[in-house]
Amino acid sequence: MNRPARRRRGFGWPGRVAVAAVLILASPLLAPRLLAFPHSTTVGQHHVYSDMPITPAVRRIVGAADDKVRASPLGDARPLDQDVVLTDGGWRWRWLAISASDAFALSRPLGEPVIVNHSDPSRDIMTNAYGATRRLTDVVAHELTHGAIRARFGIVRAQLMPAELVEGYCDHVAGSSTLSDAQAKALIASGQTRPALLYWTGRKKVEAALEANGNDVDRLFEEWR
């Protein structure tokens, strides 16, 4: 007796539309250039995309940030072609930053893009949602260093490393932290805490450890406590 063939279960049209919508929304997270930035250029091997016109100041900043990472012990490991995406803090930033919208910038392991919040390249400065300022050059260098760490040690191991070590080392390469020494010490003395304090204390511990071990970065990451 022949039985009627069962229909294969699968996504109906609503499900397919939903999946397509998710893919469309998520794809710029992996390739921010898909958001049709109006301005682009190349600095070294970095593709730079921007909401704002790309001036000579932007080229100098990206080049100087890359020089900081290249001069570091992990410089040979750094991805040479990381995209650097400069936003005006508007809808593109909110789309790409997701829950980190108050940050200066961020980078992601897949594709290694560096995505920057609103900045003033003409003055080489950024101001975050809390009114703190930082050099744009140092912010870009910090995020590029995340890419160098992942390239050297692998994405999984880098993800499992203590935040104080990773963020501290990135600030060390950048040459600055959001907090000045005076600001950080005042917070510590008053018993207050801020997210930026972890970056400052991490940088200080990283610099002390590197001075003690002869600037051996591999040993730093292996022996961190």
C-alpha atoms as a PDB file:
ATOM      1  CA  MET A   1       0.000   0.000   0.000  1.00  0.00           C
ATOM      2  CA  ASN A   2       1.423   3.300  -1.012  1.00  0.00           C
ATOM      3  CA  ARG A   3       1.368   5.954   1.710  1.00  0.00           C
ATOM      4  CA  PRO A   4       1.275   9.646   0.867  1.00  0.00           C
ATOM      5  CA  ALA A   5       4.683  11.217   1.104  1.00  0.00           C
ATOM      6  CA  ARG A   6       5.192  13.363   4.172  1.00  0.00           C
ATOM      7  CA  ARG A   7       5.894  16.980   3.591  1.00  0.00           C
ATOM      8  CA  ARG A   8       9.346  18.032   4.596  1.00  0.00           C
ATOM      9  CA  ARG A   9       9.324  20.351   7.517  1.00  0.00           C
ATOM     10  CA  GLY A  10      11.110  23.604   7.064  1.00  0.00           C
ATOM     11  CA  PHE A  11      10.776  27.324   7.348  1.00  0.00           C
ATOM     12  CA  GLY A  12       7.658  28.814   5.905  1.00  0.00           C
ATOM     13  CA  TRP A  13       7.727  32.208   4.290  1.00  0.00           C
ATOM     14  CA  PRO A  14       7.453  34.061   7.641  1.00  0.00           C
ATOM     15  CA  GLY A  15      10.434  32.127   8.971  1.00  0.00           C
ATOM     16  CA  ARG A  16      12.482  32.760   5.856  1.00  0.00           C
ATOM     17  CA  VAL A  17      11.702  36.460   6.000  1.00  0.00           C
ATOM     18  CA  ALA A  18      12.705  36.546   9.665  1.00  0.00           C
ATOM     19  CA  VAL A  19      16.009  34.768   8.957  1.00  0.00           C
ATOM     20  CA  ALA A  20      16.733  37.102   6.046  1.00  0.00           C
ATOM     21  CA  ALA A  21      16.010  40.130   8.248  1.00  0.00           C
ATOM     22  CA  VAL A  22      18.386  38.865  10.954  1.00  0.00           C
ATOM     23  CA  LEU A  23      21.141  38.288   8.396  1.00  0.00           C
ATOM     24  CA  ILE A  24      20.656  41.752   6.938  1.00  0.00           C
ATOM     25  CA  LEU A  25      20.779  43.359  10.378  1.00  0.00           C
ATOM     26  CA  ALA A  26      23.786  41.329  11.530  1.00  0.00           C
ATOM     27  CA  SER A  27      25.962  41.476   8.407  1.00  0.00           C
ATOM     28  CA  PRO A  28      27.261  45.017   9.045  1.00  0.00           C
ATOM     29  CA  LEU A  29      28.546  43.834  12.428  1.00  0.00           C
ATOM     30  CA  LEU A  30      31.016  41.667  10.512  1.00  0.00           C
ATOM     31  CA  ALA A  31      31.593  44.100   7.650  1.00  0.00           C
ATOM     32  CA  PRO A  32      30.717  47.666   8.722  1.00  0.00           C
ATOM     33  CA  ARG A  33      31.483  48.988   5.234  1.00  0.00           C
ATOM     34  CA  LEU A  34      28.141  47.515   4.183  1.00  0.00           C
ATOM     35  CA  LEU A  35      26.470  50.510   5.822  1.00  0.00           C
ATOM     36  CA  ALA A  36      27.429  52.629   2.804  1.00  0.00           C
ATOM     37  CA  PHE A  37      29.781  55.110   4.430  1.00  0.00           C
ATOM     38  CA  PRO A  38      30.005  58.174   2.183  1.00  0.00           C
ATOM     39  CA  HIS A  39      33.802  58.575   2.470  1.00  0.00           C
ATOM     40  CA  SER A  40      36.638  56.060   2.265  1.00  0.00           C
ATOM     41  CA  THR A  41      40.377  55.868   1.725  1.00  0.00           C
ATOM     42  CA  THR A  42      43.350  53.616   2.413  1.00  0.00           C
ATOM     43  CA  VAL A  43      46.075  54.348   4.961  1.00  0.00           C
ATOM     44  CA  GLY A  44      48.863  51.817   4.641  1.00  0.00           C
ATOM     45  CA  GLN A  45      46.856  48.625   4.262  1.00  0.00           C
ATOM     46  CA  HIS A  46      43.985  49.821   6.430  1.00  0.00           C
ATOM     47  CA  HIS A  47      40.729  50.644   4.689  1.00  0.00           C
ATOM     48  CA  VAL A  48      39.235  53.706   6.366  1.00  0.00           C
ATOM     49  CA  TYR A  49      35.496  54.403   6.175  1.00  0.00           C
ATOM     50  CA  SER A  50      33.950  57.568   7.543  1.00  0.00           C
ATOM     51  CA  ASP A  51      30.702  59.471   7.979  1.00  0.00           C
ATOM     52  CA  MET A  52      32.745  62.666   7.651  1.00  0.00           C
ATOM     53  CA  PRO A  53      35.121  63.837   4.902  1.00  0.00           C
ATOM     54  CA  ILE A  54      38.528  62.194   5.287  1.00  0.00           C
ATOM     55  CA  THR A  55      41.103  64.917   5.866  1.00  0.00           C
ATOM     56  CA  PRO A  56      44.907  64.741   6.081  1.00  0.00           C
ATOM     57  CA  ALA A  57      44.432  64.754   9.870  1.00  0.00           C
ATOM     58  CA  VAL A  58      42.531  61.440   9.651  1.00  0.00           C
ATOM     59  CA  ARG A  59      45.327  59.899   7.601  1.00  0.00           C
ATOM     60  CA  ARG A  60      47.948  61.088  10.098  1.00  0.00           C
ATOM     61  CA  ILE A  61      45.961  59.721  13.041  1.00  0.00           C
ATOM     62  CA  VAL A  62      45.434  56.260  11.546  1.00  0.00           C
ATOM     63  CA  GLY A  63      49.076  56.137  10.445  1.00  0.00           C
ATOM     64  CA  ALA A  64      50.334  57.211  13.884  1.00  0.00           C
ATOM     65  CA  ALA A  65      48.099  54.679  15.632  1.00  0.00           C
ATOM     66  CA  ASP A  66      49.384  51.896  13.385  1.00  0.00           C
ATOM     67  CA  ASP A  67      52.963  53.022  14.088  1.00  0.00           C
ATOM     68  CA  LYS A  68      52.370  52.632  17.834  1.00  0.00           C
ATOM     69  CA  VAL A  69      51.203  49.041  17.380  1.00  0.00           C
ATOM     70  CA  ARG A  70      53.934  48.229  14.847  1.00  0.00           C
ATOM     71  CA  ALA A  71      56.588  49.421  17.310  1.00  0.00           C
ATOM     72  CA  SER A  72      55.218  47.187  20.079  1.00  0.00           C
ATOM     73  CA  PRO A  73      56.438  43.619  20.726  1.00  0.00           C
ATOM     74  CA  LEU A  74      53.258  42.304  19.084  1.00  0.00           C
ATOM     75  CA  GLY A  75      53.711  44.515  16.041  1.00  0.00           C
ATOM     76  CA  ASP A  76      54.708  41.658  13.752  1.00  0.00           C
ATOM     77  CA  ALA A  77      51.517  39.805  14.634  1.00  0.00           C
ATOM     78  CA  ARG A  78      49.115  42.665  14.003  1.00  0.00           C
ATOM     79  CA  PRO A  79      46.578  42.319  11.172  1.00  0.00           C
ATOM     80  CA  LEU A  80      47.761  44.784   8.541  1.00  0.00           C
ATOM     81  CA  ASP A  81      44.425  45.285   6.819  1.00  0.00           C
ATOM     82  CA  GLN A  82      42.040  46.047   9.677  1.00  0.00           C
ATOM     83  CA  ASP A  83      39.201  48.340   8.656  1.00  0.00           C
ATOM     84  CA  VAL A  84      39.030  51.589  10.629  1.00  0.00           C
ATOM     85  CA  VAL A  85      35.486  52.959  10.736  1.00  0.00           C
ATOM     86  CA  LEU A  86      34.933  56.539  11.915  1.00  0.00           C
ATOM     87  CA  THR A  87      31.320  57.371  12.748  1.00  0.00           C
ATOM     88  CA  ASP A  88      29.621  60.601  13.748  1.00  0.00           C
ATOM     89  CA  GLY A  89      28.000  58.872  16.719  1.00  0.00           C
ATOM     90  CA  GLY A  90      24.705  58.602  14.845  1.00  0.00           C
ATOM     91  CA  TRP A  91      22.710  55.657  13.560  1.00  0.00           C
ATOM     92  CA  ARG A  92      25.685  53.794  12.085  1.00  0.00           C
ATOM     93  CA  TRP A  93      27.475  53.859  15.454  1.00  0.00           C
ATOM     94  CA  ARG A  94      24.354  52.757  17.336  1.00  0.00           C
ATOM     95  CA  TRP A  95      23.845  49.909  14.879  1.00  0.00           C
ATOM     96  CA  LEU A  96      27.445  48.717  15.140  1.00  0.00           C
ATOM     97  CA  ALA A  97      28.058  49.344  18.852  1.00  0.00           C
ATOM     98  CA  ILE A  98      24.899  47.550  20.091  1.00  0.00           C
ATOM     99  CA  SER A  99      25.193  47.632  23.904  1.00  0.00           C
ATOM    100  CA  ALA A 100      28.544  49.489  23.964  1.00  0.00           C
ATOM    101  CA  SER A 101      27.156  52.771  22.678  1.00  0.00           C
ATOM    102  CA  ASP A 102      28.843  54.783  25.467  1.00  0.00           C
ATOM    103  CA  ALA A 103      32.315  53.542  24.532  1.00  0.00           C
ATOM    104  CA  PHE A 104      35.002  55.523  22.727  1.00  0.00           C
ATOM    105  CA  ALA A 105      35.429  52.690  20.246  1.00  0.00           C
ATOM    106  CA  LEU A 106      35.376  48.923  19.885  1.00  0.00           C
ATOM    107  CA  SER A 107      36.814  46.127  17.792  1.00  0.00           C
ATOM    108  CA  ARG A 108      35.479  42.688  16.921  1.00  0.00           C
ATOM    109  CA  PRO A 109      37.291  39.382  16.350  1.00  0.00           C
ATOM    110  CA  LEU A 110      35.468  38.474  13.135  1.00  0.00           C
ATOM    111  CA  GLY A 111      36.934  40.607  10.382  1.00  0.00           C
ATOM    112  CA  GLU A 112      38.827  42.692  12.982  1.00  0.00           C
ATOM    113  CA  PRO A 113      37.131  46.037  12.253  1.00  0.00           C
ATOM    114  CA  VAL A 114      37.890  49.000  14.515  1.00  0.00           C
ATOM    115  CA  ILE A 115      34.750  51.103  14.969  1.00  0.00           C
ATOM    116  CA  VAL A 116      35.049  54.589  16.468  1.00  0.00           C
ATOM    117  CA  ASN A 117      32.404  56.771  18.088  1.00  0.00           C
ATOM    118  CA  HIS A 118      32.093  60.508  17.340  1.00  0.00           C
ATOM    119  CA  SER A 119      35.474  62.249  17.256  1.00  0.00           C
ATOM    120  CA  ASP A 120      37.192  65.467  16.203  1.00  0.00           C
ATOM    121  CA  PRO A 121      40.146  64.446  14.011  1.00  0.00           C
ATOM    122  CA  SER A 122      41.184  68.067  13.468  1.00  0.00           C
ATOM    123  CA  ARG A 123      42.050  68.246  17.188  1.00  0.00           C
ATOM    124  CA  ASP A 124      42.867  64.540  17.577  1.00  0.00           C
ATOM    125  CA  ILE A 125      40.364  64.227  20.393  1.00  0.00           C
ATOM    126  CA  MET A 126      37.359  62.218  21.519  1.00  0.00           C
ATOM    127  CA  THR A 127      34.821  62.866  24.268  1.00  0.00           C
ATOM    128  CA  ASN A 128      32.690  60.044  25.646  1.00  0.00           C
ATOM    129  CA  ALA A 129      29.201  60.083  27.152  1.00  0.00           C
ATOM    130  CA  TYR A 130      30.636  60.852  30.596  1.00  0.00           C
ATOM    131  CA  GLY A 131      32.586  63.899  29.434  1.00  0.00           C
ATOM    132  CA  ALA A 132      35.983  62.183  29.529  1.00  0.00           C
ATOM    133  CA  THR A 133      38.369  63.068  26.706  1.00  0.00           C
ATOM    134  CA  ARG A 134      41.112  61.098  25.026  1.00  0.00           C
ATOM    135  CA  ARG A 135      43.327  61.368  21.977  1.00  0.00           C
ATOM    136  CA  LEU A 136      41.771  59.751  18.921  1.00  0.00           C
ATOM    137  CA  THR A 137      45.208  58.401  17.943  1.00  0.00           C
ATOM    138  CA  ASP A 138      45.469  56.546  21.253  1.00  0.00           C
ATOM    139  CA  VAL A 139      41.933  55.167  20.993  1.00  0.00           C
ATOM    140  CA  VAL A 140      42.598  53.743  17.516  1.00  0.00           C
ATOM    141  CA  ALA A 141      45.942  52.317  18.676  1.00  0.00           C
ATOM    142  CA  HIS A 142      44.211  50.673  21.659  1.00  0.00           C
ATOM    143  CA  GLU A 143      41.688  48.939  19.406  1.00  0.00           C
ATOM    144  CA  LEU A 144      44.298  47.893  16.843  1.00  0.00           C
ATOM    145  CA  THR A 145      46.234  46.286  19.700  1.00  0.00           C
ATOM    146  CA  HIS A 146      43.237  44.086  20.492  1.00  0.00           C
ATOM    147  CA  GLY A 147      43.628  42.718  16.962  1.00  0.00           C
ATOM    148  CA  ALA A 148      47.340  42.098  17.532  1.00  0.00           C
ATOM    149  CA  ILE A 149      46.614  40.195  20.763  1.00  0.00           C
ATOM    150  CA  ARG A 150      44.049  37.993  19.044  1.00  0.00           C
ATOM    151  CA  ALA A 151      46.389  37.380  16.116  1.00  0.00           C
ATOM    152  CA  ARG A 152      49.247  36.388  18.434  1.00  0.00           C
ATOM    153  CA  PHE A 153      47.404  34.257  20.976  1.00  0.00           C
ATOM    154  CA  GLY A 154      44.217  33.227  19.166  1.00  0.00           C
ATOM    155  CA  ILE A 155      40.659  34.484  19.543  1.00  0.00           C
ATOM    156  CA  VAL A 156      39.565  31.963  22.191  1.00  0.00           C
ATOM    157  CA  ARG A 157      42.589  32.462  24.433  1.00  0.00           C
ATOM    158  CA  ALA A 158      42.377  36.241  24.070  1.00  0.00           C
ATOM    159  CA  GLN A 159      38.712  36.149  25.022  1.00  0.00           C
ATOM    160  CA  LEU A 160      39.512  34.206  28.199  1.00  0.00           C
ATOM    161  CA  MET A 161      42.304  36.518  29.320  1.00  0.00           C
ATOM    162  CA  PRO A 162      41.600  38.828  32.289  1.00  0.00           C
ATOM    163  CA  ALA A 163      40.179  42.170  31.160  1.00  0.00           C
ATOM    164  CA  GLU A 164      42.683  44.017  33.341  1.00  0.00           C
ATOM    165  CA  LEU A 165      45.559  42.394  31.439  1.00  0.00           C
ATOM    166  CA  VAL A 166      44.145  42.870  27.944  1.00  0.00           C
ATOM    167  CA  GLU A 167      42.833  46.400  28.397  1.00  0.00           C
ATOM    168  CA  GLY A 168      45.909  47.382  30.390  1.00  0.00           C
ATOM    169  CA  TYR A 169      48.232  46.138  27.670  1.00  0.00           C
ATOM    170  CA  CYS A 170      46.221  47.925  24.964  1.00  0.00           C
ATOM    171  CA  ASP A 171      46.450  51.172  26.941  1.00  0.00           C
ATOM    172  CA  HIS A 172      50.174  50.547  27.425  1.00  0.00           C
ATOM    173  CA  VAL A 173      50.712  50.345  23.672  1.00  0.00           C
ATOM    174  CA  ALA A 174      48.471  53.370  23.141  1.00  0.00           C
ATOM    175  CA  GLY A 175      50.540  55.297  25.673  1.00  0.00           C
ATOM    176  CA  SER A 176      47.652  56.649  27.724  1.00  0.00           C
ATOM    177  CA  SER A 177      44.464  55.855  29.601  1.00  0.00           C
ATOM    178  CA  THR A 178      41.171  57.683  29.904  1.00  0.00           C
ATOM    179  CA  LEU A 179      42.023  58.593  33.488  1.00  0.00           C
ATOM    180  CA  SER A 180      45.077  60.629  34.374  1.00  0.00           C
ATOM    181  CA  ASP A 181      47.232  59.448  37.265  1.00  0.00           C
ATOM    182  CA  ALA A 182      45.751  62.163  39.480  1.00  0.00           C
ATOM    183  CA  GLN A 183      42.173  61.250  38.586  1.00  0.00           C
ATOM    184  CA  ALA A 184      42.759  57.542  39.170  1.00  0.00           C
ATOM    185  CA  LYS A 185      44.472  58.085  42.521  1.00  0.00           C
ATOM    186  CA  ALA A 186      41.667  60.392  43.649  1.00  0.00           C
ATOM    187  CA  LEU A 187      39.081  57.730  42.801  1.00  0.00           C
ATOM    188  CA  ILE A 188      41.039  55.070  44.668  1.00  0.00           C
ATOM    189  CA  ALA A 189      41.508  57.320  47.699  1.00  0.00           C
ATOM    190  CA  SER A 190      37.774  58.069  47.842  1.00  0.00           C
ATOM    191  CA  GLY A 191      36.784  54.428  47.435  1.00  0.00           C
ATOM    192  CA  GLN A 192      34.961  55.143  44.184  1.00  0.00           C
ATOM    193  CA  THR A 193      35.118  52.979  41.118  1.00  0.00           C
ATOM    194  CA  ARG A 194      34.643  53.617  37.420  1.00  0.00           C
ATOM    195  CA  PRO A 195      34.954  51.314  34.392  1.00  0.00           C
ATOM    196  CA  ALA A 196      37.956  53.364  33.246  1.00  0.00           C
ATOM    197  CA  LEU A 197      39.796  52.592  36.497  1.00  0.00           C
ATOM    198  CA  LEU A 198      40.319  48.971  35.451  1.00  0.00           C
ATOM    199  CA  TYR A 199      42.112  50.183  32.305  1.00  0.00           C
ATOM    200  CA  TRP A 200      44.376  52.509  34.305  1.00  0.00           C
ATOM    201  CA  THR A 201      45.259  49.946  36.975  1.00  0.00           C
ATOM    202  CA  GLY A 202      45.793  47.342  34.278  1.00  0.00           C
ATOM    203  CA  ARG A 203      48.214  49.591  32.397  1.00  0.00           C
ATOM    204  CA  LYS A 204      50.183  50.327  35.559  1.00  0.00           C
ATOM    205  CA  LYS A 205      50.429  46.614  36.426  1.00  0.00           C
ATOM    206  CA  VAL A 206      51.399  45.719  32.848  1.00  0.00           C
ATOM    207  CA  GLU A 207      54.135  48.348  32.784  1.00  0.00           C
ATOM    208  CA  ALA A 208      55.505  47.193  36.146  1.00  0.00           C
ATOM    209  CA  ALA A 209      55.498  43.551  35.010  1.00  0.00           C
ATOM    210  CA  LEU A 210      57.225  44.350  31.719  1.00  0.00           C
ATOM    211  CA  GLU A 211      59.887  46.378  33.496  1.00  0.00           C
ATOM    212  CA  ALA A 212      60.500  43.462  35.861  1.00  0.00           C
ATOM    213  CA  ASN A 213      60.692  40.752  33.152  1.00  0.00           C
ATOM    214  CA  GLY A 214      62.798  42.590  30.567  1.00  0.00           C
ATOM    215  CA  ASN A 215      59.860  43.571  28.332  1.00  0.00           C
ATOM    216  CA  ASP A 216      58.962  39.948  27.603  1.00  0.00           C
ATOM    217  CA  VAL A 217      55.356  40.143  26.383  1.00  0.00           C
ATOM    218  CA  ASP A 218      54.896  36.380  26.002  1.00  0.00           C
ATOM    219  CA  ARG A 219      55.963  35.930  29.605  1.00  0.00           C
ATOM    220  CA  LEU A 220      53.624  38.746  30.651  1.00  0.00           C
ATOM    221  CA  PHE A 221      50.594  36.992  29.180  1.00  0.00           C
ATOM    222  CA  GLU A 222      51.649  33.551  30.407  1.00  0.00           C
ATOM    223  CA  GLU A 223      52.389  34.539  34.015  1.00  0.00           C
ATOM    224  CA  TRP A 224      49.720  37.156  34.662  1.00  0.00           C
ATOM    225  CA  ARG A 225      48.013  36.847  38.022  1.00  0.00           C
END
